[in-house]
C-alpha atoms as a PDB file:
ATOM      1  CA  UNK A   1      26.636  -0.770  21.641  1.00  0.00           C
ATOM      2  CA  UNK A   2      24.276  -1.285  18.708  1.00  0.00           C
ATOM      3  CA  UNK A   3      20.585  -1.136  19.713  1.00  0.00           C
ATOM      4  CA  UNK A   4      19.309  -1.614  16.178  1.00  0.00           C
ATOM      5  CA  UNK A   5      17.478  -4.888  15.496  1.00  0.00           C
ATOM      6  CA  UNK A   6      19.332  -7.324  13.290  1.00  0.00           C
ATOM      7  CA  UNK A   7      17.840  -8.207   9.919  1.00  0.00           C
ATOM      8  CA  UNK A   8      16.345 -11.661   9.715  1.00  0.00           C
ATOM      9  CA  UNK A   9      17.085 -13.826   6.671  1.00  0.00           C
ATOM     10  CA  UNK A  10      14.258 -14.551   4.281  1.00  0.00           C
ATOM     11  CA  UNK A  11      12.839 -17.955   5.212  1.00  0.00           C
ATOM     12  CA  UNK A  12      12.995 -20.775   2.692  1.00  0.00           C
ATOM     13  CA  UNK A  13       9.912 -21.242   0.546  1.00  0.00           C
ATOM     14  CA  UNK A  14       7.522 -24.017   1.502  1.00  0.00           C
ATOM     15  CA  UNK A  15       7.456 -26.453  -1.450  1.00  0.00           C
ATOM     16  CA  UNK A  16       4.065 -27.766  -0.277  1.00  0.00           C
ATOM     17  CA  UNK A  17       2.481 -24.377  -0.965  1.00  0.00           C
ATOM     18  CA  UNK A  18       0.062 -24.310  -3.903  1.00  0.00           C
ATOM     19  CA  UNK A  19       0.683 -22.006  -6.852  1.00  0.00           C
ATOM     20  CA  UNK A  20      -1.915 -19.244  -7.068  1.00  0.00           C
ATOM     21  CA  UNK A  21      -2.636 -17.660 -10.445  1.00  0.00           C
ATOM     22  CA  UNK A  22      -4.423 -14.314 -10.432  1.00  0.00           C
ATOM     23  CA  UNK A  23      -6.302 -13.044 -13.470  1.00  0.00           C
ATOM     24  CA  UNK A  24      -7.862  -9.767 -12.337  1.00  0.00           C
ATOM     25  CA  UNK A  25      -9.082  -8.884 -15.857  1.00  0.00           C
ATOM     26  CA  UNK A  26     -11.148 -12.099 -15.970  1.00  0.00           C
ATOM     27  CA  UNK A  27     -12.004 -12.872 -12.336  1.00  0.00           C
ATOM     28  CA  UNK A  28     -15.185 -11.051 -11.302  1.00  0.00           C
ATOM     29  CA  UNK A  29     -15.110 -12.625  -7.831  1.00  0.00           C
ATOM     30  CA  UNK A  30     -12.144 -10.533  -6.614  1.00  0.00           C
ATOM     31  CA  UNK A  31     -13.131  -8.075  -3.879  1.00  0.00           C
ATOM     32  CA  UNK A  32     -13.260  -4.416  -4.923  1.00  0.00           C
ATOM     33  CA  UNK A  33     -13.204  -1.613  -2.369  1.00  0.00           C
ATOM     34  CA  UNK A  34     -14.255   1.907  -3.357  1.00  0.00           C
ATOM     35  CA  UNK A  35     -12.862   4.551  -1.049  1.00  0.00           C
ATOM     36  CA  UNK A  36     -12.669   8.316  -1.567  1.00  0.00           C
ATOM     37  CA  UNK A  37     -13.105   8.055  -5.346  1.00  0.00           C
ATOM     38  CA  UNK A  38     -10.414   5.371  -5.722  1.00  0.00           C
ATOM     39  CA  UNK A  39     -10.891   1.656  -6.396  1.00  0.00           C
ATOM     40  CA  UNK A  40      -8.781  -1.011  -4.695  1.00  0.00           C
ATOM     41  CA  UNK A  41      -8.886  -4.640  -5.854  1.00  0.00           C
ATOM     42  CA  UNK A  42      -7.447  -7.409  -3.695  1.00  0.00           C
ATOM     43  CA  UNK A  43      -5.577  -9.542  -6.257  1.00  0.00           C
ATOM     44  CA  UNK A  44      -3.892 -11.918  -3.758  1.00  0.00           C
ATOM     45  CA  UNK A  45      -4.703 -11.977  -0.063  1.00  0.00           C
ATOM     46  CA  UNK A  46      -2.578 -13.089   2.856  1.00  0.00           C
ATOM     47  CA  UNK A  47      -4.507 -16.357   2.757  1.00  0.00           C
ATOM     48  CA  UNK A  48      -3.314 -16.948  -0.824  1.00  0.00           C
ATOM     49  CA  UNK A  49       0.334 -16.370   0.122  1.00  0.00           C
ATOM     50  CA  UNK A  50       0.483 -18.130   3.500  1.00  0.00           C
ATOM     51  CA  UNK A  51       0.572 -14.736   5.208  1.00  0.00           C
ATOM     52  CA  UNK A  52       3.705 -13.610   3.342  1.00  0.00           C
ATOM     53  CA  UNK A  53       2.144 -10.596   1.587  1.00  0.00           C
ATOM     54  CA  UNK A  54      -0.919  -9.342  -0.255  1.00  0.00           C
ATOM     55  CA  UNK A  55      -1.197  -7.814  -3.708  1.00  0.00           C
ATOM     56  CA  UNK A  56      -3.579  -4.891  -4.202  1.00  0.00           C
ATOM     57  CA  UNK A  57      -4.350  -3.091  -7.463  1.00  0.00           C
ATOM     58  CA  UNK A  58      -4.977   0.596  -6.770  1.00  0.00           C
ATOM     59  CA  UNK A  59      -6.857   2.605  -9.396  1.00  0.00           C
ATOM     60  CA  UNK A  60      -6.548   6.315  -8.685  1.00  0.00           C
ATOM     61  CA  UNK A  61      -8.053   8.617 -11.335  1.00  0.00           C
ATOM     62  CA  UNK A  62      -6.129  11.675 -12.587  1.00  0.00           C
ATOM     63  CA  UNK A  63      -6.316  14.350  -9.914  1.00  0.00           C
ATOM     64  CA  UNK A  64      -7.252  11.695  -7.335  1.00  0.00           C
ATOM     65  CA  UNK A  65      -5.361  10.637  -4.270  1.00  0.00           C
ATOM     66  CA  UNK A  66      -4.755  12.729  -1.183  1.00  0.00           C
ATOM     67  CA  UNK A  67      -5.376  16.435  -1.453  1.00  0.00           C
ATOM     68  CA  UNK A  68      -2.441  18.812  -1.090  1.00  0.00           C
ATOM     69  CA  UNK A  69      -1.927  19.984   2.464  1.00  0.00           C
ATOM     70  CA  UNK A  70      -2.222  23.733   2.936  1.00  0.00           C
ATOM     71  CA  UNK A  71      -1.881  25.522   6.230  1.00  0.00           C
ATOM     72  CA  UNK A  72      -2.035  29.149   7.227  1.00  0.00           C
ATOM     73  CA  UNK A  73      -1.114  28.652  10.856  1.00  0.00           C
ATOM     74  CA  UNK A  74       1.390  31.204  12.172  1.00  0.00           C
ATOM     75  CA  UNK A  75       2.938  28.462  14.289  1.00  0.00           C
ATOM     76  CA  UNK A  76       4.346  26.720  11.205  1.00  0.00           C
ATOM     77  CA  UNK A  77       8.036  26.788  10.581  1.00  0.00           C
ATOM     78  CA  UNK A  78       9.097  29.071   7.686  1.00  0.00           C
ATOM     79  CA  UNK A  79      10.552  26.015   5.956  1.00  0.00           C
ATOM     80  CA  UNK A  80       7.083  24.464   5.879  1.00  0.00           C
ATOM     81  CA  UNK A  81       5.332  27.503   4.458  1.00  0.00           C
ATOM     82  CA  UNK A  82       8.069  28.580   2.043  1.00  0.00           C
ATOM     83  CA  UNK A  83       8.135  32.086   3.566  1.00  0.00           C
ATOM     84  CA  UNK A  84      10.900  33.741   5.466  1.00  0.00           C
ATOM     85  CA  UNK A  85      10.299  35.832   8.558  1.00  0.00           C
END
């Protein structure tokens, strides 16, 4: 017995939907979110796409993003720490 959910087909596009053109280089009204040294700009929201998706521009400076994870816990598996016992 297969318990996996079946994939749903992509619904047909709604021809009544309005075309949305985004010009992030020119549109100063787009929302910008600064978080942990990164800048996120909402180019298209769910409202613009009838809830289908959103488009976000993520500016992460060199060396930015999440920090590397380092652990010194003795409970870690040797495969996590790179050491053998």
